[in-house]
Amino acid sequence: MNDKIKFELIDGIDFMLLEFELKQNLLAEDLKTLDLPDPVKLKFSNRLFVISGRGPIWLYCYLTHFYHVCRAIAVFDPRFQAAVVVQTHDDSYEVGDLVEIDSSQLHIGK
């Protein structure tokens, strides 16, 4: 599966960011074989988790579900230079909050 998509985990100051880049078109069945970093084993489930990359909406839905154990989940939007909180288990984040992300921390595609 890693021949179709590249994942990079970036440890930010206040968040953990998963950046992805599609190398080939994904098929829905490819979700069954994704090898994703485990937030519990890697001990980042207590942090804000940010997803960044260009991909199909169903991939974002899958990633949001997979990482639901994290403190909160946000999606990076380059128009805002911020991540939009889309799910939270923590009172310090609300859905719709913007979390500024320094785009120099993003690596894939550079």
N, C-alpha and C. Protein backbone atom coordinates (compact mmCIF):
# COMPACT_ATOMS: atom_id res chain seq x y z
N MET A 1 0.81 -1.20 0.00
CA MET A 1 0.00 0.00 0.00
C MET A 1 0.86 1.26 0.00
N ASN A 2 2.03 1.22 0.59
CA ASN A 2 2.87 2.41 0.67
C ASN A 2 3.32 2.91 -0.70
N ASP A 3 3.08 2.14 -1.75
CA ASP A 3 3.44 2.60 -3.08
C ASP A 3 2.41 3.60 -3.62
N LYS A 4 1.23 3.69 -3.00
CA LYS A 4 0.19 4.61 -3.46
C LYS A 4 0.10 5.89 -2.64
N ILE A 5 0.52 5.83 -1.38
CA ILE A 5 0.39 6.99 -0.50
C ILE A 5 1.58 7.05 0.46
N LYS A 6 2.04 8.26 0.68
CA LYS A 6 3.16 8.46 1.61
C LYS A 6 2.63 9.23 2.82
N PHE A 7 2.92 8.72 4.01
CA PHE A 7 2.53 9.39 5.25
C PHE A 7 3.78 9.89 5.96
N GLU A 8 3.66 11.07 6.56
CA GLU A 8 4.73 11.60 7.39
C GLU A 8 4.11 12.15 8.66
N LEU A 9 4.63 11.74 9.80
CA LEU A 9 4.18 12.22 11.09
C LEU A 9 5.11 13.33 11.54
N ILE A 10 4.54 14.50 11.83
CA ILE A 10 5.33 15.67 12.22
C ILE A 10 4.94 16.07 13.63
N ASP A 11 5.92 16.13 14.50
CA ASP A 11 5.70 16.47 15.90
C ASP A 11 5.81 17.98 16.08
N GLY A 12 4.65 18.65 16.19
CA GLY A 12 4.63 20.09 16.40
C GLY A 12 4.68 20.42 17.88
N ILE A 13 4.73 21.68 18.20
CA ILE A 13 4.82 22.10 19.60
C ILE A 13 3.56 21.70 20.37
N ASP A 14 2.39 22.02 19.82
CA ASP A 14 1.12 21.77 20.51
C ASP A 14 0.25 20.73 19.81
N PHE A 15 0.80 20.00 18.87
CA PHE A 15 -0.01 19.09 18.08
C PHE A 15 0.87 18.02 17.45
N MET A 16 0.23 16.99 16.94
CA MET A 16 0.87 15.98 16.10
C MET A 16 0.18 16.09 14.75
N LEU A 17 0.95 16.13 13.68
CA LEU A 17 0.40 16.32 12.35
C LEU A 17 0.72 15.12 11.47
N LEU A 18 -0.29 14.60 10.81
CA LEU A 18 -0.11 13.55 9.81
C LEU A 18 -0.28 14.19 8.45
N GLU A 19 0.81 14.22 7.71
CA GLU A 19 0.77 14.76 6.36
C GLU A 19 0.83 13.59 5.38
N PHE A 20 0.01 13.66 4.35
CA PHE A 20 0.04 12.57 3.37
C PHE A 20 0.13 13.14 1.96
N GLU A 21 0.66 12.31 1.08
CA GLU A 21 0.76 12.64 -0.34
C GLU A 21 0.40 11.41 -1.15
N LEU A 22 -0.54 11.56 -2.06
CA LEU A 22 -0.91 10.46 -2.94
C LEU A 22 0.12 10.33 -4.04
N LYS A 23 0.65 9.13 -4.22
CA LYS A 23 1.58 8.87 -5.30
C LYS A 23 0.86 8.31 -6.53
N GLN A 24 -0.29 7.67 -6.26
CA GLN A 24 -1.15 7.12 -7.30
C GLN A 24 -2.59 7.31 -6.84
N ASN A 25 -3.53 7.11 -7.75
CA ASN A 25 -4.93 7.18 -7.35
C ASN A 25 -5.25 6.05 -6.37
N LEU A 26 -5.99 6.41 -5.32
CA LEU A 26 -6.44 5.41 -4.35
C LEU A 26 -7.78 4.83 -4.79
N LEU A 27 -7.99 3.60 -4.44
CA LEU A 27 -9.29 2.96 -4.59
C LEU A 27 -9.88 2.79 -3.20
N ALA A 28 -11.18 2.70 -3.12
CA ALA A 28 -11.82 2.54 -1.82
C ALA A 28 -11.27 1.32 -1.08
N GLU A 29 -11.01 0.25 -1.80
CA GLU A 29 -10.50 -0.98 -1.17
C GLU A 29 -9.11 -0.79 -0.56
N ASP A 30 -8.39 0.26 -0.95
CA ASP A 30 -7.07 0.52 -0.39
C ASP A 30 -7.13 0.88 1.10
N LEU A 31 -8.29 1.33 1.57
CA LEU A 31 -8.42 1.65 2.99
C LEU A 31 -8.13 0.43 3.85
N LYS A 32 -8.41 -0.75 3.33
CA LYS A 32 -8.20 -1.99 4.09
C LYS A 32 -6.74 -2.28 4.37
N THR A 33 -5.85 -1.68 3.60
CA THR A 33 -4.42 -2.02 3.73
C THR A 33 -3.56 -0.84 4.20
N LEU A 34 -4.19 0.27 4.61
CA LEU A 34 -3.39 1.40 5.08
C LEU A 34 -2.64 1.03 6.35
N ASP A 35 -1.39 1.42 6.41
CA ASP A 35 -0.56 1.20 7.58
C ASP A 35 -0.33 2.56 8.24
N LEU A 36 -1.18 2.89 9.23
CA LEU A 36 -1.15 4.21 9.84
C LEU A 36 -0.44 4.20 11.19
N PRO A 37 0.20 5.31 11.54
CA PRO A 37 0.82 5.42 12.86
C PRO A 37 -0.25 5.31 13.96
N ASP A 38 0.00 4.46 14.95
CA ASP A 38 -0.97 4.21 16.02
C ASP A 38 -0.81 5.27 17.12
N PRO A 39 -1.86 6.07 17.40
CA PRO A 39 -1.73 7.15 18.38
C PRO A 39 -1.55 6.66 19.82
N VAL A 40 -2.03 5.46 20.13
CA VAL A 40 -1.87 4.92 21.48
C VAL A 40 -0.47 4.36 21.66
N LYS A 41 -0.03 3.52 20.73
CA LYS A 41 1.31 2.94 20.82
C LYS A 41 2.40 4.00 20.76
N LEU A 42 2.19 5.04 19.95
CA LEU A 42 3.19 6.10 19.80
C LEU A 42 2.99 7.25 20.80
N LYS A 43 1.98 7.10 21.66
CA LYS A 43 1.73 8.02 22.78
C LYS A 43 1.48 9.46 22.37
N PHE A 44 0.62 9.64 21.36
CA PHE A 44 0.22 11.01 21.03
C PHE A 44 -1.31 11.18 21.05
N SER A 45 -2.02 10.23 21.61
CA SER A 45 -3.48 10.33 21.67
C SER A 45 -3.95 11.45 22.61
N ASN A 46 -3.07 11.95 23.46
CA ASN A 46 -3.43 13.03 24.39
C ASN A 46 -3.20 14.41 23.79
N ARG A 47 -2.96 14.48 22.49
CA ARG A 47 -2.65 15.74 21.83
C ARG A 47 -3.65 16.04 20.71
N LEU A 48 -3.66 17.29 20.28
CA LEU A 48 -4.41 17.66 19.09
C LEU A 48 -3.77 16.94 17.91
N PHE A 49 -4.59 16.34 17.06
CA PHE A 49 -4.10 15.63 15.88
C PHE A 49 -4.58 16.36 14.64
N VAL A 50 -3.64 16.72 13.77
CA VAL A 50 -3.95 17.49 12.56
C VAL A 50 -3.69 16.62 11.34
N ILE A 51 -4.62 16.65 10.39
CA ILE A 51 -4.49 15.91 9.14
C ILE A 51 -4.27 16.92 8.02
N SER A 52 -3.29 16.64 7.15
CA SER A 52 -3.00 17.54 6.03
C SER A 52 -2.65 16.72 4.79
N GLY A 53 -3.18 17.13 3.66
CA GLY A 53 -2.87 16.47 2.40
C GLY A 53 -4.03 16.61 1.44
N ARG A 54 -3.75 16.33 0.17
CA ARG A 54 -4.80 16.37 -0.85
C ARG A 54 -5.24 14.95 -1.15
N GLY A 55 -6.51 14.68 -0.88
CA GLY A 55 -7.02 13.34 -1.10
C GLY A 55 -8.53 13.34 -1.11
N PRO A 56 -9.12 12.18 -1.40
CA PRO A 56 -10.58 12.09 -1.46
C PRO A 56 -11.21 12.28 -0.08
N ILE A 57 -12.45 12.77 -0.08
CA ILE A 57 -13.16 13.02 1.17
C ILE A 57 -13.29 11.75 2.00
N TRP A 58 -13.47 10.60 1.35
CA TRP A 58 -13.62 9.36 2.11
C TRP A 58 -12.34 8.97 2.82
N LEU A 59 -11.19 9.39 2.30
CA LEU A 59 -9.93 9.15 3.01
C LEU A 59 -9.90 10.00 4.28
N TYR A 60 -10.30 11.26 4.17
CA TYR A 60 -10.36 12.13 5.36
C TYR A 60 -11.34 11.57 6.39
N CYS A 61 -12.48 11.07 5.95
CA CYS A 61 -13.44 10.48 6.88
C CYS A 61 -12.83 9.28 7.60
N TYR A 62 -12.13 8.45 6.85
CA TYR A 62 -11.49 7.28 7.45
C TYR A 62 -10.43 7.70 8.46
N LEU A 63 -9.59 8.66 8.09
CA LEU A 63 -8.53 9.11 9.01
C LEU A 63 -9.12 9.73 10.27
N THR A 64 -10.19 10.51 10.12
CA THR A 64 -10.84 11.10 11.29
C THR A 64 -11.39 10.01 12.21
N HIS A 65 -11.98 9.00 11.65
CA HIS A 65 -12.49 7.89 12.47
C HIS A 65 -11.34 7.13 13.12
N PHE A 66 -10.29 6.84 12.38
CA PHE A 66 -9.16 6.08 12.91
C PHE A 66 -8.52 6.81 14.10
N TYR A 67 -8.43 8.12 14.01
CA TYR A 67 -7.75 8.91 15.05
C TYR A 67 -8.72 9.52 16.06
N HIS A 68 -9.95 8.99 16.14
CA HIS A 68 -10.94 9.55 17.06
C HIS A 68 -10.51 9.46 18.53
N VAL A 69 -9.55 8.62 18.85
CA VAL A 69 -9.08 8.50 20.25
C VAL A 69 -8.24 9.69 20.68
N CYS A 70 -7.82 10.50 19.74
CA CYS A 70 -6.99 11.66 20.07
C CYS A 70 -7.81 12.72 20.79
N ARG A 71 -7.11 13.58 21.50
CA ARG A 71 -7.72 14.67 22.27
C ARG A 71 -8.68 15.50 21.41
N ALA A 72 -8.24 15.84 20.21
CA ALA A 72 -9.05 16.57 19.24
C ALA A 72 -8.45 16.32 17.87
N ILE A 73 -9.27 16.48 16.84
CA ILE A 73 -8.80 16.31 15.46
C ILE A 73 -9.10 17.58 14.69
N ALA A 74 -8.13 18.00 13.89
CA ALA A 74 -8.30 19.17 13.04
C ALA A 74 -7.78 18.85 11.65
N VAL A 75 -8.26 19.59 10.68
CA VAL A 75 -7.86 19.42 9.29
C VAL A 75 -7.21 20.72 8.83
N PHE A 76 -5.99 20.62 8.29
CA PHE A 76 -5.27 21.80 7.83
C PHE A 76 -5.91 22.35 6.57
N ASP A 77 -6.12 23.66 6.56
CA ASP A 77 -6.66 24.35 5.39
C ASP A 77 -5.67 25.44 5.00
N PRO A 78 -4.98 25.29 3.87
CA PRO A 78 -3.95 26.26 3.49
C PRO A 78 -4.50 27.67 3.27
N ARG A 79 -5.79 27.81 2.98
CA ARG A 79 -6.37 29.15 2.80
C ARG A 79 -6.33 29.94 4.10
N PHE A 80 -6.45 29.24 5.22
CA PHE A 80 -6.43 29.90 6.54
C PHE A 80 -5.04 29.86 7.18
N GLN A 81 -4.14 29.05 6.62
CA GLN A 81 -2.86 28.75 7.27
C GLN A 81 -3.12 28.30 8.71
N ALA A 82 -4.15 27.49 8.83
CA ALA A 82 -4.59 27.00 10.13
C ALA A 82 -5.30 25.66 9.95
N ALA A 83 -5.44 24.96 11.06
CA ALA A 83 -6.19 23.72 11.08
C ALA A 83 -7.56 24.00 11.70
N VAL A 84 -8.60 23.44 11.12
CA VAL A 84 -9.96 23.61 11.60
C VAL A 84 -10.31 22.39 12.47
N VAL A 85 -10.66 22.64 13.72
CA VAL A 85 -11.04 21.55 14.62
C VAL A 85 -12.38 20.98 14.15
N VAL A 86 -12.41 19.65 13.92
CA VAL A 86 -13.62 19.00 13.42
C VAL A 86 -14.20 18.00 14.42
N GLN A 87 -13.42 17.66 15.44
CA GLN A 87 -13.88 16.71 16.45
C GLN A 87 -13.04 16.91 17.71
N THR A 88 -13.68 16.83 18.88
CA THR A 88 -12.93 17.05 20.12
C THR A 88 -13.52 16.27 21.28
N HIS A 89 -12.62 15.87 22.19
CA HIS A 89 -12.99 15.25 23.47
C HIS A 89 -12.54 16.15 24.61
N ASP A 90 -12.10 17.36 24.32
CA ASP A 90 -11.43 18.22 25.29
C ASP A 90 -12.08 19.60 25.29
N ASP A 91 -12.35 20.12 26.48
CA ASP A 91 -13.00 21.43 26.61
C ASP A 91 -12.14 22.58 26.11
N SER A 92 -10.85 22.37 25.95
CA SER A 92 -10.00 23.46 25.49
C SER A 92 -10.09 23.67 23.97
N TYR A 93 -10.77 22.77 23.27
CA TYR A 93 -11.02 22.91 21.83
C TYR A 93 -12.51 22.83 21.58
N GLU A 94 -12.97 23.64 20.63
CA GLU A 94 -14.36 23.55 20.17
C GLU A 94 -14.35 23.30 18.67
N VAL A 95 -15.35 22.56 18.20
CA VAL A 95 -15.50 22.37 16.76
C VAL A 95 -15.59 23.73 16.10
N GLY A 96 -14.81 23.93 15.06
CA GLY A 96 -14.77 25.20 14.35
C GLY A 96 -13.64 26.11 14.77
N ASP A 97 -12.94 25.77 15.86
CA ASP A 97 -11.77 26.56 16.25
C ASP A 97 -10.70 26.46 15.17
N LEU A 98 -9.96 27.55 14.99
CA LEU A 98 -8.81 27.56 14.09
C LEU A 98 -7.54 27.49 14.93
N VAL A 99 -6.65 26.59 14.55
CA VAL A 99 -5.36 26.43 15.23
C VAL A 99 -4.29 26.77 14.20
N GLU A 100 -3.58 27.86 14.45
CA GLU A 100 -2.56 28.29 13.49
C GLU A 100 -1.46 27.23 13.37
N ILE A 101 -1.08 26.97 12.13
CA ILE A 101 -0.01 26.02 11.83
C ILE A 101 1.00 26.74 10.95
N ASP A 102 2.24 26.74 11.36
CA ASP A 102 3.29 27.34 10.55
C ASP A 102 3.53 26.42 9.36
N SER A 103 3.23 26.89 8.16
CA SER A 103 3.34 26.02 6.97
C SER A 103 4.76 25.55 6.72
N SER A 104 5.74 26.19 7.34
CA SER A 104 7.12 25.70 7.19
C SER A 104 7.30 24.35 7.88
N GLN A 105 6.34 23.97 8.73
CA GLN A 105 6.40 22.66 9.39
C GLN A 105 5.90 21.55 8.48
N LEU A 106 5.26 21.91 7.37
CA LEU A 106 4.77 20.92 6.44
C LEU A 106 5.89 20.54 5.49
N HIS A 107 6.05 19.23 5.24
CA HIS A 107 7.21 18.76 4.49
C HIS A 107 6.90 18.18 3.12
N ILE A 108 5.89 17.39 3.02
CA ILE A 108 5.62 16.66 1.78
C ILE A 108 5.36 17.64 0.65
N GLY A 109 5.92 17.35 -0.49
CA GLY A 109 5.70 18.16 -1.68
C GLY A 109 6.69 19.30 -1.81
N LYS A 110 7.63 19.41 -0.89
CA LYS A 110 8.63 20.48 -0.98
C LYS A 110 9.83 20.03 -1.75
